N, C-alpha and C. Protein backbone atom coordinates (compact mmCIF):
# COMPACT_ATOMS: atom_id res chain seq x y z
N MET A 1 1.16 8.78 25.68
CA MET A 1 0.99 7.78 24.64
C MET A 1 2.31 7.64 23.90
N ALA A 2 2.85 6.43 23.87
CA ALA A 2 4.18 6.17 23.36
C ALA A 2 4.21 5.99 21.87
N THR A 3 3.25 5.27 21.33
CA THR A 3 3.25 5.00 19.86
C THR A 3 1.97 5.54 19.28
N TRP A 4 2.05 5.80 17.98
CA TRP A 4 0.91 6.27 17.27
C TRP A 4 -0.01 5.16 16.86
N THR A 5 -1.32 5.48 16.79
CA THR A 5 -2.29 4.46 16.33
C THR A 5 -2.38 4.58 14.81
N ASN A 6 -3.01 3.59 14.22
CA ASN A 6 -3.20 3.59 12.74
C ASN A 6 -4.06 4.80 12.32
N LYS A 7 -4.98 5.19 13.20
CA LYS A 7 -5.82 6.33 12.88
C LYS A 7 -4.97 7.64 12.81
N GLN A 8 -4.07 7.76 13.74
CA GLN A 8 -3.20 8.94 13.73
C GLN A 8 -2.26 8.92 12.55
N TRP A 9 -1.71 7.80 12.18
CA TRP A 9 -0.87 7.71 11.00
C TRP A 9 -1.65 8.04 9.74
N GLY A 10 -2.87 7.50 9.69
CA GLY A 10 -3.72 7.75 8.53
C GLY A 10 -4.04 9.25 8.41
N ALA A 11 -4.29 9.92 9.53
CA ALA A 11 -4.57 11.36 9.49
C ALA A 11 -3.32 12.14 9.02
N LEU A 12 -2.16 11.75 9.50
CA LEU A 12 -0.91 12.39 9.08
C LEU A 12 -0.68 12.22 7.55
N ILE A 13 -0.81 10.98 7.11
CA ILE A 13 -0.60 10.69 5.67
C ILE A 13 -1.63 11.41 4.84
N GLY A 14 -2.89 11.42 5.26
CA GLY A 14 -3.92 12.16 4.53
C GLY A 14 -3.61 13.66 4.45
N GLY A 15 -3.15 14.21 5.55
CA GLY A 15 -2.78 15.63 5.56
C GLY A 15 -1.61 15.94 4.62
N LEU A 16 -0.66 15.02 4.58
CA LEU A 16 0.50 15.21 3.66
C LEU A 16 0.08 15.12 2.20
N VAL A 17 -0.86 14.20 1.91
CA VAL A 17 -1.35 14.06 0.55
C VAL A 17 -2.12 15.33 0.11
N ILE A 18 -2.95 15.86 1.01
CA ILE A 18 -3.66 17.10 0.70
C ILE A 18 -2.67 18.25 0.50
N PHE A 19 -1.64 18.30 1.35
CA PHE A 19 -0.62 19.34 1.21
C PHE A 19 0.11 19.22 -0.17
N LEU A 20 0.44 17.98 -0.56
CA LEU A 20 1.08 17.78 -1.85
C LEU A 20 0.17 18.15 -3.01
N ILE A 21 -1.12 17.88 -2.90
CA ILE A 21 -2.05 18.24 -3.94
C ILE A 21 -2.09 19.77 -4.09
N ALA A 22 -2.15 20.47 -2.98
CA ALA A 22 -2.16 21.93 -3.02
C ALA A 22 -0.85 22.48 -3.52
N LEU A 23 0.27 21.83 -3.21
CA LEU A 23 1.58 22.34 -3.56
C LEU A 23 1.95 22.04 -5.01
N ILE A 24 1.78 20.80 -5.47
CA ILE A 24 2.26 20.44 -6.80
C ILE A 24 1.15 20.01 -7.75
N GLY A 25 -0.08 19.85 -7.29
CA GLY A 25 -1.17 19.46 -8.16
C GLY A 25 -1.53 17.98 -8.00
N PRO A 26 -2.70 17.63 -8.51
CA PRO A 26 -3.16 16.25 -8.30
C PRO A 26 -2.42 15.22 -9.11
N GLY A 27 -2.01 15.56 -10.33
CA GLY A 27 -1.30 14.56 -11.16
C GLY A 27 0.05 14.14 -10.58
N PRO A 28 0.93 15.07 -10.30
CA PRO A 28 2.21 14.67 -9.66
C PRO A 28 2.05 14.01 -8.30
N THR A 29 1.02 14.43 -7.55
CA THR A 29 0.76 13.82 -6.26
C THR A 29 0.33 12.35 -6.44
N ALA A 30 -0.45 12.06 -7.45
CA ALA A 30 -0.84 10.67 -7.70
C ALA A 30 0.39 9.84 -8.00
N VAL A 31 1.34 10.36 -8.78
CA VAL A 31 2.57 9.64 -9.11
C VAL A 31 3.37 9.40 -7.84
N VAL A 32 3.44 10.40 -6.98
CA VAL A 32 4.21 10.24 -5.71
C VAL A 32 3.56 9.14 -4.87
N VAL A 33 2.22 9.14 -4.77
CA VAL A 33 1.51 8.17 -3.93
C VAL A 33 1.71 6.75 -4.54
N ILE A 34 1.62 6.62 -5.86
CA ILE A 34 1.79 5.29 -6.49
C ILE A 34 3.19 4.76 -6.18
N PHE A 35 4.23 5.61 -6.36
CA PHE A 35 5.58 5.17 -6.11
C PHE A 35 5.85 4.90 -4.63
N ALA A 36 5.16 5.59 -3.75
CA ALA A 36 5.27 5.33 -2.32
C ALA A 36 4.70 3.98 -1.97
N VAL A 37 3.56 3.63 -2.55
CA VAL A 37 2.96 2.32 -2.31
C VAL A 37 3.85 1.21 -2.89
N LEU A 38 4.38 1.42 -4.08
CA LEU A 38 5.33 0.44 -4.68
C LEU A 38 6.57 0.28 -3.82
N GLY A 39 7.08 1.38 -3.33
CA GLY A 39 8.26 1.33 -2.46
C GLY A 39 7.98 0.58 -1.17
N TYR A 40 6.76 0.74 -0.67
CA TYR A 40 6.40 -0.01 0.56
C TYR A 40 6.47 -1.50 0.31
N PHE A 41 5.87 -1.94 -0.82
CA PHE A 41 5.86 -3.39 -1.10
C PHE A 41 7.26 -3.87 -1.43
N VAL A 42 8.08 -3.10 -2.12
CA VAL A 42 9.46 -3.51 -2.37
C VAL A 42 10.23 -3.63 -1.04
N GLY A 43 10.02 -2.73 -0.13
CA GLY A 43 10.64 -2.80 1.16
C GLY A 43 10.22 -4.03 1.94
N LYS A 44 8.94 -4.35 1.91
CA LYS A 44 8.44 -5.56 2.58
C LYS A 44 9.09 -6.81 1.93
N PHE A 45 9.22 -6.83 0.63
CA PHE A 45 9.80 -7.98 -0.06
C PHE A 45 11.30 -8.12 0.32
N LEU A 46 12.04 -7.01 0.33
CA LEU A 46 13.45 -7.05 0.68
C LEU A 46 13.67 -7.43 2.14
N ASP A 47 12.76 -7.07 3.01
CA ASP A 47 12.85 -7.46 4.43
C ASP A 47 12.42 -8.89 4.66
N GLY A 48 11.90 -9.56 3.65
CA GLY A 48 11.42 -10.93 3.81
C GLY A 48 10.03 -11.04 4.41
N GLU A 49 9.29 -9.95 4.48
CA GLU A 49 7.94 -9.96 5.04
C GLU A 49 6.87 -10.31 4.04
N LEU A 50 7.22 -10.34 2.77
CA LEU A 50 6.26 -10.56 1.70
C LEU A 50 6.58 -11.93 1.06
N ASP A 51 5.66 -12.87 1.22
CA ASP A 51 5.89 -14.23 0.72
C ASP A 51 5.15 -14.38 -0.61
N LEU A 52 5.89 -14.35 -1.71
CA LEU A 52 5.26 -14.41 -3.02
C LEU A 52 4.63 -15.75 -3.32
N GLU A 53 5.18 -16.82 -2.76
CA GLU A 53 4.59 -18.18 -2.94
C GLU A 53 3.23 -18.23 -2.29
N ASP A 54 3.13 -17.66 -1.11
CA ASP A 54 1.82 -17.66 -0.40
C ASP A 54 0.80 -16.83 -1.16
N ILE A 55 1.22 -15.65 -1.68
CA ILE A 55 0.29 -14.83 -2.46
C ILE A 55 -0.17 -15.60 -3.69
N ARG A 56 0.75 -16.27 -4.37
CA ARG A 56 0.39 -17.01 -5.58
C ARG A 56 -0.55 -18.14 -5.24
N ALA A 57 -0.30 -18.87 -4.16
CA ALA A 57 -1.17 -19.97 -3.77
C ALA A 57 -2.57 -19.49 -3.44
N ARG A 58 -2.66 -18.38 -2.72
CA ARG A 58 -3.97 -17.82 -2.38
C ARG A 58 -4.71 -17.38 -3.62
N ALA A 59 -4.00 -16.76 -4.57
CA ALA A 59 -4.65 -16.32 -5.77
C ALA A 59 -5.14 -17.48 -6.60
N GLN A 60 -4.37 -18.54 -6.69
CA GLN A 60 -4.77 -19.70 -7.44
C GLN A 60 -5.91 -20.44 -6.71
N GLY A 61 -5.86 -20.39 -5.39
CA GLY A 61 -6.94 -21.01 -4.65
C GLY A 61 -8.28 -20.31 -4.83
N ARG A 62 -8.24 -19.01 -4.89
CA ARG A 62 -9.43 -18.21 -5.11
C ARG A 62 -9.97 -18.43 -6.51
N ARG A 63 -9.05 -18.52 -7.45
CA ARG A 63 -9.48 -18.73 -8.87
C ARG A 63 -10.09 -20.12 -9.01
N SER A 64 -9.58 -21.12 -8.34
CA SER A 64 -10.13 -22.45 -8.48
C SER A 64 -11.51 -22.54 -7.80
N GLU A 65 -11.68 -21.78 -6.70
CA GLU A 65 -13.02 -21.78 -6.03
C GLU A 65 -14.07 -21.12 -6.91
N THR A 66 -13.68 -20.09 -7.62
CA THR A 66 -14.69 -19.42 -8.46
C THR A 66 -15.01 -20.26 -9.68
N ARG A 67 -14.08 -21.07 -10.16
CA ARG A 67 -14.36 -21.94 -11.29
C ARG A 67 -15.30 -23.08 -10.91
N ILE A 68 -15.19 -23.55 -9.68
CA ILE A 68 -16.06 -24.66 -9.24
C ILE A 68 -17.51 -24.23 -9.16
N ARG A 69 -17.73 -23.04 -8.70
CA ARG A 69 -19.07 -22.52 -8.51
C ARG A 69 -19.76 -22.29 -9.79
């Protein structure tokens, strides 16, 4: 098997989170996870993979649909 599946990556990340909780506690681990997720989105934005205009249009479209109903 050449590449990992999403299930395998999820298991690895879950194991690392449990290890961090045991090593430094749940509070600091939560901070690490939050900054990791923020870093992921910043990286996607800097690589041009995150289209803010599309996200804004979708959010406005969903809001307008809920107002009509």
